[in-house]
Amino acid sequence: MSGTQESTTDRDELESTLGSFQNSLRGQIEDRRQTIVTIGVAIGVAVAVVAYLLGRRSGRKKSAIIDIRRL
């Protein structure tokens, strides 16, 4: 076996590698979470405004104009 080298990975090396990978992912998630929350709130506000305006328009179409005349 002179041409092959065996690469052994001990537990500490594996834990440190996986730990750094996990910390990297947590950092990326935390960075994007604020953006996702902001976009979600903006979409929610936009939907509420559109629903309000459409309901207001619909209410105007259905309301009748009544003239009161004195006899």
PDB file of N, CA and C in Angstrom:
ATOM      1  N   MET A   1       0.805  -1.184   0.000  1.00  0.00           N
ATOM      2  CA  MET A   1       0.000   0.000   0.000  1.00  0.00           C
ATOM      3  C   MET A   1       0.852   1.253   0.000  1.00  0.00           C
ATOM      4  N   SER A   2       1.813   1.281  -0.773  1.00  0.00           N
ATOM      5  CA  SER A   2       2.685   2.439  -0.795  1.00  0.00           C
ATOM      6  C   SER A   2       2.088   3.578  -1.623  1.00  0.00           C
ATOM      7  N   GLY A   3       1.164   3.289  -2.570  1.00  0.00           N
ATOM      8  CA  GLY A   3       0.608   4.326  -3.437  1.00  0.00           C
ATOM      9  C   GLY A   3      -0.631   5.003  -2.882  1.00  0.00           C
ATOM     10  N   THR A   4      -1.232   4.468  -1.847  1.00  0.00           N
ATOM     11  CA  THR A   4      -2.462   5.066  -1.318  1.00  0.00           C
ATOM     12  C   THR A   4      -2.210   5.631   0.065  1.00  0.00           C
ATOM     13  N   GLN A   5      -2.857   6.719   0.336  1.00  0.00           N
ATOM     14  CA  GLN A   5      -2.784   7.320   1.656  1.00  0.00           C
ATOM     15  C   GLN A   5      -4.167   7.243   2.271  1.00  0.00           C
ATOM     16  N   GLU A   6      -4.200   6.813   3.480  1.00  0.00           N
ATOM     17  CA  GLU A   6      -5.482   6.767   4.170  1.00  0.00           C
ATOM     18  C   GLU A   6      -5.695   8.088   4.889  1.00  0.00           C
ATOM     19  N   SER A   7      -6.855   8.664   4.678  1.00  0.00           N
ATOM     20  CA  SER A   7      -7.202   9.910   5.339  1.00  0.00           C
ATOM     21  C   SER A   7      -8.204   9.602   6.429  1.00  0.00           C
ATOM     22  N   THR A   8      -7.798   9.836   7.647  1.00  0.00           N
ATOM     23  CA  THR A   8      -8.706   9.589   8.761  1.00  0.00           C
ATOM     24  C   THR A   8      -9.178  10.923   9.312  1.00  0.00           C
ATOM     25  N   THR A   9     -10.420  10.951   9.658  1.00  0.00           N
ATOM     26  CA  THR A   9     -11.002  12.153  10.235  1.00  0.00           C
ATOM     27  C   THR A   9     -11.449  11.816  11.639  1.00  0.00           C
ATOM     28  N   ASP A  10     -10.912  12.535  12.586  1.00  0.00           N
ATOM     29  CA  ASP A  10     -11.328  12.257  13.951  1.00  0.00           C
ATOM     30  C   ASP A  10     -12.567  13.072  14.309  1.00  0.00           C
ATOM     31  N   ARG A  11     -13.127  12.763  15.436  1.00  0.00           N
ATOM     32  CA  ARG A  11     -14.393  13.359  15.858  1.00  0.00           C
ATOM     33  C   ARG A  11     -14.279  14.878  16.029  1.00  0.00           C
ATOM     34  N   ASP A  12     -13.210  15.352  16.596  1.00  0.00           N
ATOM     35  CA  ASP A  12     -13.047  16.787  16.835  1.00  0.00           C
ATOM     36  C   ASP A  12     -13.002  17.568  15.520  1.00  0.00           C
ATOM     37  N   GLU A  13     -12.299  17.032  14.546  1.00  0.00           N
ATOM     38  CA  GLU A  13     -12.208  17.697  13.244  1.00  0.00           C
ATOM     39  C   GLU A  13     -13.577  17.748  12.569  1.00  0.00           C
ATOM     40  N   LEU A  14     -14.304  16.653  12.648  1.00  0.00           N
ATOM     41  CA  LEU A  14     -15.641  16.590  12.055  1.00  0.00           C
ATOM     42  C   LEU A  14     -16.585  17.562  12.752  1.00  0.00           C
ATOM     43  N   GLU A  15     -16.535  17.610  14.070  1.00  0.00           N
ATOM     44  CA  GLU A  15     -17.393  18.534  14.810  1.00  0.00           C
ATOM     45  C   GLU A  15     -17.073  19.982  14.482  1.00  0.00           C
ATOM     46  N   SER A  16     -15.810  20.312  14.363  1.00  0.00           N
ATOM     47  CA  SER A  16     -15.448  21.699  14.062  1.00  0.00           C
ATOM     48  C   SER A  16     -15.866  22.083  12.649  1.00  0.00           C
ATOM     49  N   THR A  17     -15.731  21.145  11.712  1.00  0.00           N
ATOM     50  CA  THR A  17     -16.138  21.420  10.338  1.00  0.00           C
ATOM     51  C   THR A  17     -17.646  21.625  10.244  1.00  0.00           C
ATOM     52  N   LEU A  18     -18.402  20.714  10.852  1.00  0.00           N
ATOM     53  CA  LEU A  18     -19.853  20.831  10.820  1.00  0.00           C
ATOM     54  C   LEU A  18     -20.337  22.042  11.623  1.00  0.00           C
ATOM     55  N   GLY A  19     -19.660  22.353  12.713  1.00  0.00           N
ATOM     56  CA  GLY A  19     -20.017  23.523  13.507  1.00  0.00           C
ATOM     57  C   GLY A  19     -19.821  24.816  12.741  1.00  0.00           C
ATOM     58  N   SER A  20     -18.718  24.920  12.027  1.00  0.00           N
ATOM     59  CA  SER A  20     -18.487  26.137  11.241  1.00  0.00           C
ATOM     60  C   SER A  20     -19.496  26.242  10.093  1.00  0.00           C
ATOM     61  N   PHE A  21     -19.852  25.109   9.503  1.00  0.00           N
ATOM     62  CA  PHE A  21     -20.859  25.104   8.445  1.00  0.00           C
ATOM     63  C   PHE A  21     -22.214  25.548   9.000  1.00  0.00           C
ATOM     64  N   GLN A  22     -22.573  25.044  10.171  1.00  0.00           N
ATOM     65  CA  GLN A  22     -23.836  25.397  10.790  1.00  0.00           C
ATOM     66  C   GLN A  22     -23.863  26.881  11.163  1.00  0.00           C
ATOM     67  N   ASN A  23     -22.780  27.398  11.702  1.00  0.00           N
ATOM     68  CA  ASN A  23     -22.715  28.817  12.044  1.00  0.00           C
ATOM     69  C   ASN A  23     -22.819  29.691  10.809  1.00  0.00           C
ATOM     70  N   SER A  24     -22.232  29.254   9.716  1.00  0.00           N
ATOM     71  CA  SER A  24     -22.322  29.992   8.463  1.00  0.00           C
ATOM     72  C   SER A  24     -23.769  30.054   7.982  1.00  0.00           C
ATOM     73  N   LEU A  25     -24.457  28.926   8.059  1.00  0.00           N
ATOM     74  CA  LEU A  25     -25.860  28.901   7.642  1.00  0.00           C
ATOM     75  C   LEU A  25     -26.726  29.766   8.544  1.00  0.00           C
ATOM     76  N   ARG A  26     -26.476  29.714   9.852  1.00  0.00           N
ATOM     77  CA  ARG A  26     -27.254  30.548  10.775  1.00  0.00           C
ATOM     78  C   ARG A  26     -27.061  32.028  10.473  1.00  0.00           C
ATOM     79  N   GLY A  27     -25.849  32.407  10.160  1.00  0.00           N
ATOM     80  CA  GLY A  27     -25.580  33.803   9.815  1.00  0.00           C
ATOM     81  C   GLY A  27     -26.325  34.233   8.571  1.00  0.00           C
ATOM     82  N   GLN A  28     -26.355  33.382   7.568  1.00  0.00           N
ATOM     83  CA  GLN A  28     -27.065  33.710   6.336  1.00  0.00           C
ATOM     84  C   GLN A  28     -28.566  33.798   6.571  1.00  0.00           C
ATOM     85  N   ILE A  29     -29.094  32.909   7.385  1.00  0.00           N
ATOM     86  CA  ILE A  29     -30.528  32.925   7.677  1.00  0.00           C
ATOM     87  C   ILE A  29     -30.893  34.186   8.456  1.00  0.00           C
ATOM     88  N   GLU A  30     -30.079  34.553   9.422  1.00  0.00           N
ATOM     89  CA  GLU A  30     -30.356  35.761  10.206  1.00  0.00           C
ATOM     90  C   GLU A  30     -30.299  37.004   9.322  1.00  0.00           C
ATOM     91  N   ASP A  31     -29.371  37.044   8.384  1.00  0.00           N
ATOM     92  CA  ASP A  31     -29.269  38.188   7.483  1.00  0.00           C
ATOM     93  C   ASP A  31     -30.502  38.305   6.596  1.00  0.00           C
ATOM     94  N   ARG A  32     -31.005  37.209   6.130  1.00  0.00           N
ATOM     95  CA  ARG A  32     -32.150  37.232   5.210  1.00  0.00           C
ATOM     96  C   ARG A  32     -33.486  37.326   5.920  1.00  0.00           C
ATOM     97  N   ARG A  33     -33.534  36.945   7.178  1.00  0.00           N
ATOM     98  CA  ARG A  33     -34.801  36.965   7.922  1.00  0.00           C
ATOM     99  C   ARG A  33     -35.369  38.380   7.985  1.00  0.00           C
ATOM    100  N   GLN A  34     -34.547  39.356   8.248  1.00  0.00           N
ATOM    101  CA  GLN A  34     -35.005  40.741   8.335  1.00  0.00           C
ATOM    102  C   GLN A  34     -35.584  41.196   7.003  1.00  0.00           C
ATOM    103  N   THR A  35     -34.941  40.824   5.906  1.00  0.00           N
ATOM    104  CA  THR A  35     -35.433  41.191   4.583  1.00  0.00           C
ATOM    105  C   THR A  35     -36.767  40.520   4.303  1.00  0.00           C
ATOM    106  N   ILE A  36     -36.886  39.252   4.648  1.00  0.00           N
ATOM    107  CA  ILE A  36     -38.125  38.517   4.402  1.00  0.00           C
ATOM    108  C   ILE A  36     -39.268  39.109   5.225  1.00  0.00           C
ATOM    109  N   VAL A  37     -39.004  39.450   6.479  1.00  0.00           N
ATOM    110  CA  VAL A  37     -40.040  40.046   7.322  1.00  0.00           C
ATOM    111  C   VAL A  37     -40.473  41.396   6.768  1.00  0.00           C
ATOM    112  N   THR A  38     -39.522  42.192   6.321  1.00  0.00           N
ATOM    113  CA  THR A  38     -39.846  43.498   5.759  1.00  0.00           C
ATOM    114  C   THR A  38     -40.704  43.360   4.510  1.00  0.00           C
ATOM    115  N   ILE A  39     -40.343  42.445   3.632  1.00  0.00           N
ATOM    116  CA  ILE A  39     -41.117  42.229   2.417  1.00  0.00           C
ATOM    117  C   ILE A  39     -42.515  41.721   2.759  1.00  0.00           C
ATOM    118  N   GLY A  40     -42.620  40.821   3.727  1.00  0.00           N
ATOM    119  CA  GLY A  40     -43.923  40.300   4.138  1.00  0.00           C
ATOM    120  C   GLY A  40     -44.830  41.390   4.682  1.00  0.00           C
ATOM    121  N   VAL A  41     -44.284  42.270   5.500  1.00  0.00           N
ATOM    122  CA  VAL A  41     -45.073  43.369   6.050  1.00  0.00           C
ATOM    123  C   VAL A  41     -45.515  44.321   4.937  1.00  0.00           C
ATOM    124  N   ALA A  42     -44.623  44.614   4.010  1.00  0.00           N
ATOM    125  CA  ALA A  42     -44.972  45.510   2.898  1.00  0.00           C
ATOM    126  C   ALA A  42     -46.086  44.911   2.041  1.00  0.00           C
ATOM    127  N   ILE A  43     -46.011  43.617   1.774  1.00  0.00           N
ATOM    128  CA  ILE A  43     -47.055  42.960   0.988  1.00  0.00           C
ATOM    129  C   ILE A  43     -48.376  42.975   1.753  1.00  0.00           C
ATOM    130  N   GLY A  44     -48.334  42.732   3.046  1.00  0.00           N
ATOM    131  CA  GLY A  44     -49.546  42.763   3.863  1.00  0.00           C
ATOM    132  C   GLY A  44     -50.214  44.128   3.856  1.00  0.00           C
ATOM    133  N   VAL A  45     -49.423  45.179   3.987  1.00  0.00           N
ATOM    134  CA  VAL A  45     -49.965  46.540   3.962  1.00  0.00           C
ATOM    135  C   VAL A  45     -50.557  46.845   2.590  1.00  0.00           C
ATOM    136  N   ALA A  46     -49.873  46.428   1.532  1.00  0.00           N
ATOM    137  CA  ALA A  46     -50.378  46.671   0.182  1.00  0.00           C
ATOM    138  C   ALA A  46     -51.708  45.952  -0.047  1.00  0.00           C
ATOM    139  N   VAL A  47     -51.814  44.716   0.417  1.00  0.00           N
ATOM    140  CA  VAL A  47     -53.072  43.972   0.264  1.00  0.00           C
ATOM    141  C   VAL A  47     -54.187  44.658   1.045  1.00  0.00           C
ATOM    142  N   ALA A  48     -53.899  45.127   2.248  1.00  0.00           N
ATOM    143  CA  ALA A  48     -54.910  45.809   3.053  1.00  0.00           C
ATOM    144  C   ALA A  48     -55.381  47.097   2.381  1.00  0.00           C
ATOM    145  N   VAL A  49     -54.465  47.866   1.809  1.00  0.00           N
ATOM    146  CA  VAL A  49     -54.829  49.111   1.132  1.00  0.00           C
ATOM    147  C   VAL A  49     -55.684  48.824  -0.104  1.00  0.00           C
ATOM    148  N   VAL A  50     -55.290  47.835  -0.880  1.00  0.00           N
ATOM    149  CA  VAL A  50     -56.061  47.486  -2.075  1.00  0.00           C
ATOM    150  C   VAL A  50     -57.460  47.010  -1.686  1.00  0.00           C
ATOM    151  N   ALA A  51     -57.567  46.181  -0.654  1.00  0.00           N
ATOM    152  CA  ALA A  51     -58.882  45.698  -0.209  1.00  0.00           C
ATOM    153  C   ALA A  51     -59.746  46.860   0.272  1.00  0.00           C
ATOM    154  N   TYR A  52     -59.152  47.796   0.981  1.00  0.00           N
ATOM    155  CA  TYR A  52     -59.896  48.962   1.448  1.00  0.00           C
ATOM    156  C   TYR A  52     -60.406  49.788   0.276  1.00  0.00           C
ATOM    157  N   LEU A  53     -59.528  50.050  -0.689  1.00  0.00           N
ATOM    158  CA  LEU A  53     -59.927  50.871  -1.826  1.00  0.00           C
ATOM    159  C   LEU A  53     -60.989  50.180  -2.686  1.00  0.00           C
ATOM    160  N   LEU A  54     -60.845  48.886  -2.898  1.00  0.00           N
ATOM    161  CA  LEU A  54     -61.850  48.164  -3.675  1.00  0.00           C
ATOM    162  C   LEU A  54     -63.185  48.117  -2.938  1.00  0.00           C
ATOM    163  N   GLY A  55     -63.169  47.944  -1.647  1.00  0.00           N
ATOM    164  CA  GLY A  55     -64.402  47.938  -0.860  1.00  0.00           C
ATOM    165  C   GLY A  55     -65.062  49.299  -0.847  1.00  0.00           C
ATOM    166  N   ARG A  56     -64.275  50.328  -0.787  1.00  0.00           N
ATOM    167  CA  ARG A  56     -64.806  51.690  -0.812  1.00  0.00           C
ATOM    168  C   ARG A  56     -65.452  51.993  -2.158  1.00  0.00           C
ATOM    169  N   ARG A  57     -64.796  51.556  -3.230  1.00  0.00           N
ATOM    170  CA  ARG A  57     -65.345  51.779  -4.568  1.00  0.00           C
ATOM    171  C   ARG A  57     -66.647  51.003  -4.740  1.00  0.00           C
ATOM    172  N   SER A  58     -66.654  49.762  -4.273  1.00  0.00           N
ATOM    173  CA  SER A  58     -67.852  48.935  -4.377  1.00  0.00           C
ATOM    174  C   SER A  58     -68.992  49.552  -3.570  1.00  0.00           C
ATOM    175  N   GLY A  59     -68.693  50.098  -2.431  1.00  0.00           N
ATOM    176  CA  GLY A  59     -69.713  50.744  -1.596  1.00  0.00           C
ATOM    177  C   GLY A  59     -70.296  51.971  -2.258  1.00  0.00           C
ATOM    178  N   ARG A  60     -69.477  52.705  -2.977  1.00  0.00           N
ATOM    179  CA  ARG A  60     -69.972  53.894  -3.678  1.00  0.00           C
ATOM    180  C   ARG A  60     -70.902  53.516  -4.819  1.00  0.00           C
ATOM    181  N   LYS A  61     -70.612  52.433  -5.501  1.00  0.00           N
ATOM    182  CA  LYS A  61     -71.459  52.009  -6.608  1.00  0.00           C
ATOM    183  C   LYS A  61     -72.827  51.545  -6.118  1.00  0.00           C
ATOM    184  N   LYS A  62     -72.867  50.913  -4.953  1.00  0.00           N
ATOM    185  CA  LYS A  62     -74.117  50.351  -4.445  1.00  0.00           C
ATOM    186  C   LYS A  62     -74.969  51.378  -3.719  1.00  0.00           C
ATOM    187  N   SER A  63     -74.403  52.458  -3.254  1.00  0.00           N
ATOM    188  CA  SER A  63     -75.189  53.424  -2.491  1.00  0.00           C
ATOM    189  C   SER A  63     -76.040  54.260  -3.433  1.00  0.00           C
ATOM    190  N   ALA A  64     -77.225  54.503  -3.007  1.00  0.00           N
ATOM    191  CA  ALA A  64     -78.172  55.269  -3.815  1.00  0.00           C
ATOM    192  C   ALA A  64     -78.151  56.726  -3.365  1.00  0.00           C
ATOM    193  N   ILE A  65     -78.380  57.581  -4.286  1.00  0.00           N
ATOM    194  CA  ILE A  65     -78.488  59.004  -3.983  1.00  0.00           C
ATOM    195  C   ILE A  65     -79.988  59.302  -3.869  1.00  0.00           C
ATOM    196  N   ILE A  66     -80.390  59.770  -2.742  1.00  0.00           N
ATOM    197  CA  ILE A  66     -81.803  60.035  -2.487  1.00  0.00           C
ATOM    198  C   ILE A  66     -82.000  61.515  -2.332  1.00  0.00           C
ATOM    199  N   ASP A  67     -82.926  62.037  -3.091  1.00  0.00           N
ATOM    200  CA  ASP A  67     -83.301  63.448  -2.986  1.00  0.00           C
ATOM    201  C   ASP A  67     -84.535  63.530  -2.109  1.00  0.00           C
ATOM    202  N   ILE A  68     -84.480  64.404  -1.172  1.00  0.00           N
ATOM    203  CA  ILE A  68     -85.651  64.634  -0.332  1.00  0.00           C
ATOM    204  C   ILE A  68     -86.262  65.949  -0.768  1.00  0.00           C
ATOM    205  N   ARG A  69     -87.519  65.885  -1.182  1.00  0.00           N
ATOM    206  CA  ARG A  69     -88.208  67.098  -1.632  1.00  0.00           C
ATOM    207  C   ARG A  69     -89.325  67.452  -0.643  1.00  0.00           C
ATOM    208  N   ARG A  70     -89.439  68.691  -0.472  1.00  0.00           N
ATOM    209  CA  ARG A  70     -90.528  69.159   0.389  1.00  0.00           C
ATOM    210  C   ARG A  70     -91.731  69.470  -0.488  1.00  0.00           C
ATOM    211  N   LEU A  71     -92.811  69.071  -0.006  1.00  0.00           N
ATOM    212  CA  LEU A  71     -94.030  69.317  -0.776  1.00  0.00           C
ATOM    213  C   LEU A  71     -94.714  70.565  -0.361  1.00  0.00           C
TER     214      LEU A  71
END
